[in-house]
Amino acid sequence: METAQLTEKVEAALEEIRPFLQSDGGDIKLLGIDDEKIVRVQLEGACVGCSVNQMTLKSGVEMTIKKHAPQIEQVINVEV
């Protein structure tokens, strides 16, 4: 799959989950996709200091992204 197509699929997944994050005062930004397998994101707003952000990342964000782009193996949060 072309990188542009994969990026579109990942962005669509993030748009699907974004309202849930925003309802808690947070957000998420796509930073990049490495080797078409690892998605790098940045949690923003209230999600940054949230004690359950790793659970949100794995059970919410990663699951949604894999639904749209099954070849993705992992989603990691990059803290800036």
PDB file of N, CA and C in Angstrom:
ATOM      1  N   MET A   1       0.839  -1.181   0.000  1.00  0.00           N
ATOM      2  CA  MET A   1       0.000   0.000   0.000  1.00  0.00           C
ATOM      3  C   MET A   1       0.881   1.240   0.000  1.00  0.00           C
ATOM      4  N   GLU A   2       0.469   2.231  -0.754  1.00  0.00           N
ATOM      5  CA  GLU A   2       1.235   3.472  -0.800  1.00  0.00           C
ATOM      6  C   GLU A   2       1.137   4.205   0.534  1.00  0.00           C
ATOM      7  N   THR A   3       2.171   4.951   0.839  1.00  0.00           N
ATOM      8  CA  THR A   3       2.224   5.693   2.095  1.00  0.00           C
ATOM      9  C   THR A   3       1.055   6.665   2.211  1.00  0.00           C
ATOM     10  N   ALA A   4       0.705   7.333   1.120  1.00  0.00           N
ATOM     11  CA  ALA A   4      -0.402   8.300   1.158  1.00  0.00           C
ATOM     12  C   ALA A   4      -1.719   7.612   1.502  1.00  0.00           C
ATOM     13  N   GLN A   5      -1.939   6.433   0.927  1.00  0.00           N
ATOM     14  CA  GLN A   5      -3.170   5.690   1.221  1.00  0.00           C
ATOM     15  C   GLN A   5      -3.206   5.250   2.680  1.00  0.00           C
ATOM     16  N   LEU A   6      -2.089   4.781   3.172  1.00  0.00           N
ATOM     17  CA  LEU A   6      -2.010   4.343   4.562  1.00  0.00           C
ATOM     18  C   LEU A   6      -2.239   5.518   5.504  1.00  0.00           C
ATOM     19  N   THR A   7      -1.639   6.650   5.191  1.00  0.00           N
ATOM     20  CA  THR A   7      -1.824   7.844   6.013  1.00  0.00           C
ATOM     21  C   THR A   7      -3.294   8.247   6.046  1.00  0.00           C
ATOM     22  N   GLU A   8      -3.973   8.166   4.900  1.00  0.00           N
ATOM     23  CA  GLU A   8      -5.396   8.493   4.843  1.00  0.00           C
ATOM     24  C   GLU A   8      -6.208   7.559   5.735  1.00  0.00           C
ATOM     25  N   LYS A   9      -5.887   6.278   5.722  1.00  0.00           N
ATOM     26  CA  LYS A   9      -6.605   5.306   6.545  1.00  0.00           C
ATOM     27  C   LYS A   9      -6.385   5.579   8.037  1.00  0.00           C
ATOM     28  N   VAL A  10      -5.151   5.896   8.397  1.00  0.00           N
ATOM     29  CA  VAL A  10      -4.843   6.189   9.799  1.00  0.00           C
ATOM     30  C   VAL A  10      -5.534   7.481  10.231  1.00  0.00           C
ATOM     31  N   GLU A  11      -5.521   8.492   9.372  1.00  0.00           N
ATOM     32  CA  GLU A  11      -6.202   9.750   9.688  1.00  0.00           C
ATOM     33  C   GLU A  11      -7.708   9.516   9.853  1.00  0.00           C
ATOM     34  N   ALA A  12      -8.292   8.653   9.019  1.00  0.00           N
ATOM     35  CA  ALA A  12      -9.714   8.335   9.146  1.00  0.00           C
ATOM     36  C   ALA A  12     -10.000   7.677  10.490  1.00  0.00           C
ATOM     37  N   ALA A  13      -9.105   6.806  10.923  1.00  0.00           N
ATOM     38  CA  ALA A  13      -9.258   6.152  12.222  1.00  0.00           C
ATOM     39  C   ALA A  13      -9.177   7.178  13.345  1.00  0.00           C
ATOM     40  N   LEU A  14      -8.246   8.112  13.239  1.00  0.00           N
ATOM     41  CA  LEU A  14      -8.103   9.141  14.265  1.00  0.00           C
ATOM     42  C   LEU A  14      -9.333  10.043  14.305  1.00  0.00           C
ATOM     43  N   GLU A  15      -9.902  10.331  13.143  1.00  0.00           N
ATOM     44  CA  GLU A  15     -11.132  11.141  13.103  1.00  0.00           C
ATOM     45  C   GLU A  15     -12.281  10.411  13.791  1.00  0.00           C
ATOM     46  N   GLU A  16     -12.274   9.085  13.706  1.00  0.00           N
ATOM     47  CA  GLU A  16     -13.315   8.286  14.344  1.00  0.00           C
ATOM     48  C   GLU A  16     -13.207   8.351  15.872  1.00  0.00           C
ATOM     49  N   ILE A  17     -11.998   8.338  16.383  1.00  0.00           N
ATOM     50  CA  ILE A  17     -11.812   8.307  17.837  1.00  0.00           C
ATOM     51  C   ILE A  17     -11.663   9.701  18.451  1.00  0.00           C
ATOM     52  N   ARG A  18     -11.337  10.685  17.630  1.00  0.00           N
ATOM     53  CA  ARG A  18     -11.086  12.041  18.128  1.00  0.00           C
ATOM     54  C   ARG A  18     -12.240  12.615  18.967  1.00  0.00           C
ATOM     55  N   PRO A  19     -13.513  12.458  18.580  1.00  0.00           N
ATOM     56  CA  PRO A  19     -14.597  13.023  19.403  1.00  0.00           C
ATOM     57  C   PRO A  19     -14.607  12.496  20.838  1.00  0.00           C
ATOM     58  N   PHE A  20     -14.228  11.251  21.034  1.00  0.00           N
ATOM     59  CA  PHE A  20     -14.174  10.682  22.385  1.00  0.00           C
ATOM     60  C   PHE A  20     -13.073  11.338  23.211  1.00  0.00           C
ATOM     61  N   LEU A  21     -11.929  11.567  22.567  1.00  0.00           N
ATOM     62  CA  LEU A  21     -10.821  12.235  23.256  1.00  0.00           C
ATOM     63  C   LEU A  21     -11.168  13.688  23.564  1.00  0.00           C
ATOM     64  N   GLN A  22     -11.792  14.355  22.591  1.00  0.00           N
ATOM     65  CA  GLN A  22     -12.133  15.759  22.773  1.00  0.00           C
ATOM     66  C   GLN A  22     -13.200  15.946  23.847  1.00  0.00           C
ATOM     67  N   SER A  23     -14.073  14.965  24.013  1.00  0.00           N
ATOM     68  CA  SER A  23     -15.110  15.089  25.044  1.00  0.00           C
ATOM     69  C   SER A  23     -14.509  15.088  26.447  1.00  0.00           C
ATOM     70  N   ASP A  24     -13.285  14.566  26.567  1.00  0.00           N
ATOM     71  CA  ASP A  24     -12.572  14.573  27.850  1.00  0.00           C
ATOM     72  C   ASP A  24     -11.519  15.680  27.913  1.00  0.00           C
ATOM     73  N   GLY A  25     -11.540  16.578  26.934  1.00  0.00           N
ATOM     74  CA  GLY A  25     -10.600  17.697  26.942  1.00  0.00           C
ATOM     75  C   GLY A  25      -9.261  17.389  26.312  1.00  0.00           C
ATOM     76  N   GLY A  26      -9.183  16.315  25.541  1.00  0.00           N
ATOM     77  CA  GLY A  26      -7.927  15.934  24.908  1.00  0.00           C
ATOM     78  C   GLY A  26      -8.017  15.937  23.401  1.00  0.00           C
ATOM     79  N   ASP A  27      -6.975  15.470  22.774  1.00  0.00           N
ATOM     80  CA  ASP A  27      -6.940  15.342  21.317  1.00  0.00           C
ATOM     81  C   ASP A  27      -5.753  14.456  20.960  1.00  0.00           C
ATOM     82  N   ILE A  28      -5.598  14.198  19.680  1.00  0.00           N
ATOM     83  CA  ILE A  28      -4.496  13.358  19.208  1.00  0.00           C
ATOM     84  C   ILE A  28      -4.036  13.872  17.855  1.00  0.00           C
ATOM     85  N   LYS A  29      -2.725  13.779  17.632  1.00  0.00           N
ATOM     86  CA  LYS A  29      -2.146  14.237  16.374  1.00  0.00           C
ATOM     87  C   LYS A  29      -1.258  13.131  15.815  1.00  0.00           C
ATOM     88  N   LEU A  30      -1.379  12.880  14.520  1.00  0.00           N
ATOM     89  CA  LEU A  30      -0.521  11.909  13.843  1.00  0.00           C
ATOM     90  C   LEU A  30       0.824  12.565  13.566  1.00  0.00           C
ATOM     91  N   LEU A  31       1.895  11.920  14.051  1.00  0.00           N
ATOM     92  CA  LEU A  31       3.248  12.431  13.809  1.00  0.00           C
ATOM     93  C   LEU A  31       3.906  11.740  12.628  1.00  0.00           C
ATOM     94  N   GLY A  32       3.586  10.460  12.432  1.00  0.00           N
ATOM     95  CA  GLY A  32       4.187   9.747  11.319  1.00  0.00           C
ATOM     96  C   GLY A  32       3.935   8.261  11.399  1.00  0.00           C
ATOM     97  N   ILE A  33       4.307   7.581  10.321  1.00  0.00           N
ATOM     98  CA  ILE A  33       4.173   6.126  10.238  1.00  0.00           C
ATOM     99  C   ILE A  33       5.524   5.579   9.812  1.00  0.00           C
ATOM    100  N   ASP A  34       6.088   4.697  10.644  1.00  0.00           N
ATOM    101  CA  ASP A  34       7.408   4.130  10.376  1.00  0.00           C
ATOM    102  C   ASP A  34       7.282   2.760   9.727  1.00  0.00           C
ATOM    103  N   ASP A  35       7.929   2.570   8.605  1.00  0.00           N
ATOM    104  CA  ASP A  35       7.977   1.281   7.901  1.00  0.00           C
ATOM    105  C   ASP A  35       6.597   0.682   7.652  1.00  0.00           C
ATOM    106  N   GLU A  36       5.574   1.535   7.544  1.00  0.00           N
ATOM    107  CA  GLU A  36       4.190   1.103   7.318  1.00  0.00           C
ATOM    108  C   GLU A  36       3.709   0.117   8.378  1.00  0.00           C
ATOM    109  N   LYS A  37       4.293   0.175   9.588  1.00  0.00           N
ATOM    110  CA  LYS A  37       3.936  -0.755  10.660  1.00  0.00           C
ATOM    111  C   LYS A  37       3.697  -0.066  11.993  1.00  0.00           C
ATOM    112  N   ILE A  38       4.413   1.003  12.265  1.00  0.00           N
ATOM    113  CA  ILE A  38       4.344   1.652  13.575  1.00  0.00           C
ATOM    114  C   ILE A  38       3.853   3.092  13.395  1.00  0.00           C
ATOM    115  N   VAL A  39       2.749   3.388  14.062  1.00  0.00           N
ATOM    116  CA  VAL A  39       2.164   4.725  13.994  1.00  0.00           C
ATOM    117  C   VAL A  39       2.640   5.519  15.211  1.00  0.00           C
ATOM    118  N   ARG A  40       3.161   6.701  14.962  1.00  0.00           N
ATOM    119  CA  ARG A  40       3.576   7.601  16.037  1.00  0.00           C
ATOM    120  C   ARG A  40       2.546   8.714  16.157  1.00  0.00           C
ATOM    121  N   VAL A  41       1.993   8.853  17.359  1.00  0.00           N
ATOM    122  CA  VAL A  41       1.002   9.887  17.622  1.00  0.00           C
ATOM    123  C   VAL A  41       1.438  10.715  18.818  1.00  0.00           C
ATOM    124  N   GLN A  42       0.776  11.842  18.993  1.00  0.00           N
ATOM    125  CA  GLN A  42       0.998  12.666  20.174  1.00  0.00           C
ATOM    126  C   GLN A  42      -0.353  12.960  20.792  1.00  0.00           C
ATOM    127  N   LEU A  43      -0.519  12.502  22.032  1.00  0.00           N
ATOM    128  CA  LEU A  43      -1.725  12.825  22.779  1.00  0.00           C
ATOM    129  C   LEU A  43      -1.598  14.265  23.250  1.00  0.00           C
ATOM    130  N   GLU A  44      -2.707  15.007  23.212  1.00  0.00           N
ATOM    131  CA  GLU A  44      -2.681  16.421  23.551  1.00  0.00           C
ATOM    132  C   GLU A  44      -3.736  16.755  24.593  1.00  0.00           C
ATOM    133  N   GLY A  45      -3.625  17.940  25.161  1.00  0.00           N
ATOM    134  CA  GLY A  45      -4.615  18.432  26.112  1.00  0.00           C
ATOM    135  C   GLY A  45      -4.671  17.583  27.367  1.00  0.00           C
ATOM    136  N   ALA A  46      -5.880  17.296  27.816  1.00  0.00           N
ATOM    137  CA  ALA A  46      -6.066  16.532  29.053  1.00  0.00           C
ATOM    138  C   ALA A  46      -5.516  15.119  28.943  1.00  0.00           C
ATOM    139  N   CYS A  47      -5.344  14.614  27.736  1.00  0.00           N
ATOM    140  CA  CYS A  47      -4.828  13.257  27.549  1.00  0.00           C
ATOM    141  C   CYS A  47      -3.369  13.127  28.000  1.00  0.00           C
ATOM    142  N   VAL A  48      -2.640  14.230  27.989  1.00  0.00           N
ATOM    143  CA  VAL A  48      -1.221  14.190  28.329  1.00  0.00           C
ATOM    144  C   VAL A  48      -1.004  13.719  29.760  1.00  0.00           C
ATOM    145  N   GLY A  49      -1.701  14.287  30.696  1.00  0.00           N
ATOM    146  CA  GLY A  49      -1.486  13.937  32.095  1.00  0.00           C
ATOM    147  C   GLY A  49      -2.443  12.888  32.622  1.00  0.00           C
ATOM    148  N   CYS A  50      -3.268  12.338  31.756  1.00  0.00           N
ATOM    149  CA  CYS A  50      -4.282  11.382  32.191  1.00  0.00           C
ATOM    150  C   CYS A  50      -3.644  10.055  32.597  1.00  0.00           C
ATOM    151  N   SER A  51      -4.080   9.534  33.725  1.00  0.00           N
ATOM    152  CA  SER A  51      -3.498   8.288  34.238  1.00  0.00           C
ATOM    153  C   SER A  51      -3.878   7.066  33.412  1.00  0.00           C
ATOM    154  N   VAL A  52      -4.900   7.169  32.589  1.00  0.00           N
ATOM    155  CA  VAL A  52      -5.311   6.013  31.781  1.00  0.00           C
ATOM    156  C   VAL A  52      -4.968   6.197  30.300  1.00  0.00           C
ATOM    157  N   ASN A  53      -4.042   7.113  29.989  1.00  0.00           N
ATOM    158  CA  ASN A  53      -3.757   7.368  28.578  1.00  0.00           C
ATOM    159  C   ASN A  53      -3.149   6.167  27.852  1.00  0.00           C
ATOM    160  N   GLN A  54      -2.389   5.310  28.546  1.00  0.00           N
ATOM    161  CA  GLN A  54      -1.848   4.119  27.875  1.00  0.00           C
ATOM    162  C   GLN A  54      -2.958   3.132  27.545  1.00  0.00           C
ATOM    163  N   MET A  55      -3.954   3.026  28.424  1.00  0.00           N
ATOM    164  CA  MET A  55      -5.092   2.160  28.139  1.00  0.00           C
ATOM    165  C   MET A  55      -5.886   2.726  26.958  1.00  0.00           C
ATOM    166  N   THR A  56      -6.083   4.034  26.954  1.00  0.00           N
ATOM    167  CA  THR A  56      -6.780   4.691  25.846  1.00  0.00           C
ATOM    168  C   THR A  56      -6.028   4.458  24.551  1.00  0.00           C
ATOM    169  N   LEU A  57      -4.709   4.576  24.616  1.00  0.00           N
ATOM    170  CA  LEU A  57      -3.878   4.411  23.422  1.00  0.00           C
ATOM    171  C   LEU A  57      -4.011   3.002  22.864  1.00  0.00           C
ATOM    172  N   LYS A  58      -3.937   1.988  23.727  1.00  0.00           N
ATOM    173  CA  LYS A  58      -3.956   0.601  23.260  1.00  0.00           C
ATOM    174  C   LYS A  58      -5.363   0.114  22.920  1.00  0.00           C
ATOM    175  N   SER A  59      -6.313   0.314  23.827  1.00  0.00           N
ATOM    176  CA  SER A  59      -7.633  -0.274  23.604  1.00  0.00           C
ATOM    177  C   SER A  59      -8.531   0.608  22.749  1.00  0.00           C
ATOM    178  N   GLY A  60      -8.237   1.892  22.661  1.00  0.00           N
ATOM    179  CA  GLY A  60      -9.057   2.774  21.848  1.00  0.00           C
ATOM    180  C   GLY A  60      -8.399   3.124  20.532  1.00  0.00           C
ATOM    181  N   VAL A  61      -7.302   3.837  20.610  1.00  0.00           N
ATOM    182  CA  VAL A  61      -6.636   4.355  19.416  1.00  0.00           C
ATOM    183  C   VAL A  61      -6.063   3.228  18.563  1.00  0.00           C
ATOM    184  N   GLU A  62      -5.264   2.349  19.167  1.00  0.00           N
ATOM    185  CA  GLU A  62      -4.620   1.283  18.397  1.00  0.00           C
ATOM    186  C   GLU A  62      -5.649   0.350  17.768  1.00  0.00           C
ATOM    187  N   MET A  63      -6.678  -0.006  18.527  1.00  0.00           N
ATOM    188  CA  MET A  63      -7.706  -0.902  18.011  1.00  0.00           C
ATOM    189  C   MET A  63      -8.433  -0.267  16.817  1.00  0.00           C
ATOM    190  N   THR A  64      -8.741   1.017  16.909  1.00  0.00           N
ATOM    191  CA  THR A  64      -9.433   1.712  15.829  1.00  0.00           C
ATOM    192  C   THR A  64      -8.544   1.815  14.595  1.00  0.00           C
ATOM    193  N   ILE A  65      -7.270   2.132  14.797  1.00  0.00           N
ATOM    194  CA  ILE A  65      -6.348   2.232  13.662  1.00  0.00           C
ATOM    195  C   ILE A  65      -6.197   0.879  12.975  1.00  0.00           C
ATOM    196  N   LYS A  66      -6.073  -0.192  13.753  1.00  0.00           N
ATOM    197  CA  LYS A  66      -5.913  -1.529  13.164  1.00  0.00           C
ATOM    198  C   LYS A  66      -7.166  -1.961  12.404  1.00  0.00           C
ATOM    199  N   LYS A  67      -8.314  -1.459  12.815  1.00  0.00           N
ATOM    200  CA  LYS A  67      -9.554  -1.755  12.095  1.00  0.00           C
ATOM    201  C   LYS A  67      -9.498  -1.141  10.693  1.00  0.00           C
ATOM    202  N   HIS A  68      -8.954   0.058  10.590  1.00  0.00           N
ATOM    203  CA  HIS A  68      -8.849   0.756   9.307  1.00  0.00           C
ATOM    204  C   HIS A  68      -7.634   0.310   8.496  1.00  0.00           C
ATOM    205  N   ALA A  69      -6.553  -0.038   9.186  1.00  0.00           N
ATOM    206  CA  ALA A  69      -5.295  -0.401   8.533  1.00  0.00           C
ATOM    207  C   ALA A  69      -4.678  -1.595   9.271  1.00  0.00           C
ATOM    208  N   PRO A  70      -5.135  -2.824   8.941  1.00  0.00           N
ATOM    209  CA  PRO A  70      -4.712  -4.023   9.670  1.00  0.00           C
ATOM    210  C   PRO A  70      -3.206  -4.295   9.671  1.00  0.00           C
ATOM    211  N   GLN A  71      -2.471  -3.724   8.726  1.00  0.00           N
ATOM    212  CA  GLN A  71      -1.026  -3.972   8.666  1.00  0.00           C
ATOM    213  C   GLN A  71      -0.263  -3.239   9.769  1.00  0.00           C
ATOM    214  N   ILE A  72      -0.905  -2.291  10.434  1.00  0.00           N
ATOM    215  CA  ILE A  72      -0.251  -1.571  11.523  1.00  0.00           C
ATOM    216  C   ILE A  72      -0.058  -2.531  12.691  1.00  0.00           C
ATOM    217  N   GLU A  73       1.154  -2.558  13.218  1.00  0.00           N
ATOM    218  CA  GLU A  73       1.489  -3.464  14.311  1.00  0.00           C
ATOM    219  C   GLU A  73       1.435  -2.798  15.676  1.00  0.00           C
ATOM    220  N   GLN A  74       1.731  -1.490  15.716  1.00  0.00           N
ATOM    221  CA  GLN A  74       1.826  -0.822  17.012  1.00  0.00           C
ATOM    222  C   GLN A  74       1.551   0.667  16.861  1.00  0.00           C
ATOM    223  N   VAL A  75       0.976   1.236  17.909  1.00  0.00           N
ATOM    224  CA  VAL A  75       0.780   2.681  17.991  1.00  0.00           C
ATOM    225  C   VAL A  75       1.505   3.163  19.245  1.00  0.00           C
ATOM    226  N   ILE A  76       2.378   4.129  19.067  1.00  0.00           N
ATOM    227  CA  ILE A  76       3.122   4.655  20.210  1.00  0.00           C
ATOM    228  C   ILE A  76       2.872   6.148  20.366  1.00  0.00           C
ATOM    229  N   ASN A  77       2.807   6.577  21.613  1.00  0.00           N
ATOM    230  CA  ASN A  77       2.654   7.991  21.924  1.00  0.00           C
ATOM    231  C   ASN A  77       4.042   8.590  22.098  1.00  0.00           C
ATOM    232  N   VAL A  78       4.296   9.684  21.383  1.00  0.00           N
ATOM    233  CA  VAL A  78       5.568  10.386  21.498  1.00  0.00           C
ATOM    234  C   VAL A  78       5.321  11.625  22.333  1.00  0.00           C
ATOM    235  N   GLU A  79       5.943  11.681  23.502  1.00  0.00           N
ATOM    236  CA  GLU A  79       5.796  12.854  24.362  1.00  0.00           C
ATOM    237  C   GLU A  79       6.825  13.880  23.969  1.00  0.00           C
ATOM    238  N   VAL A  80       6.350  15.105  23.790  1.00  0.00           N
ATOM    239  CA  VAL A  80       7.252  16.172  23.364  1.00  0.00           C
ATOM    240  C   VAL A  80       7.500  17.124  24.504  1.00  0.00           C
TER     241      VAL A  80
END
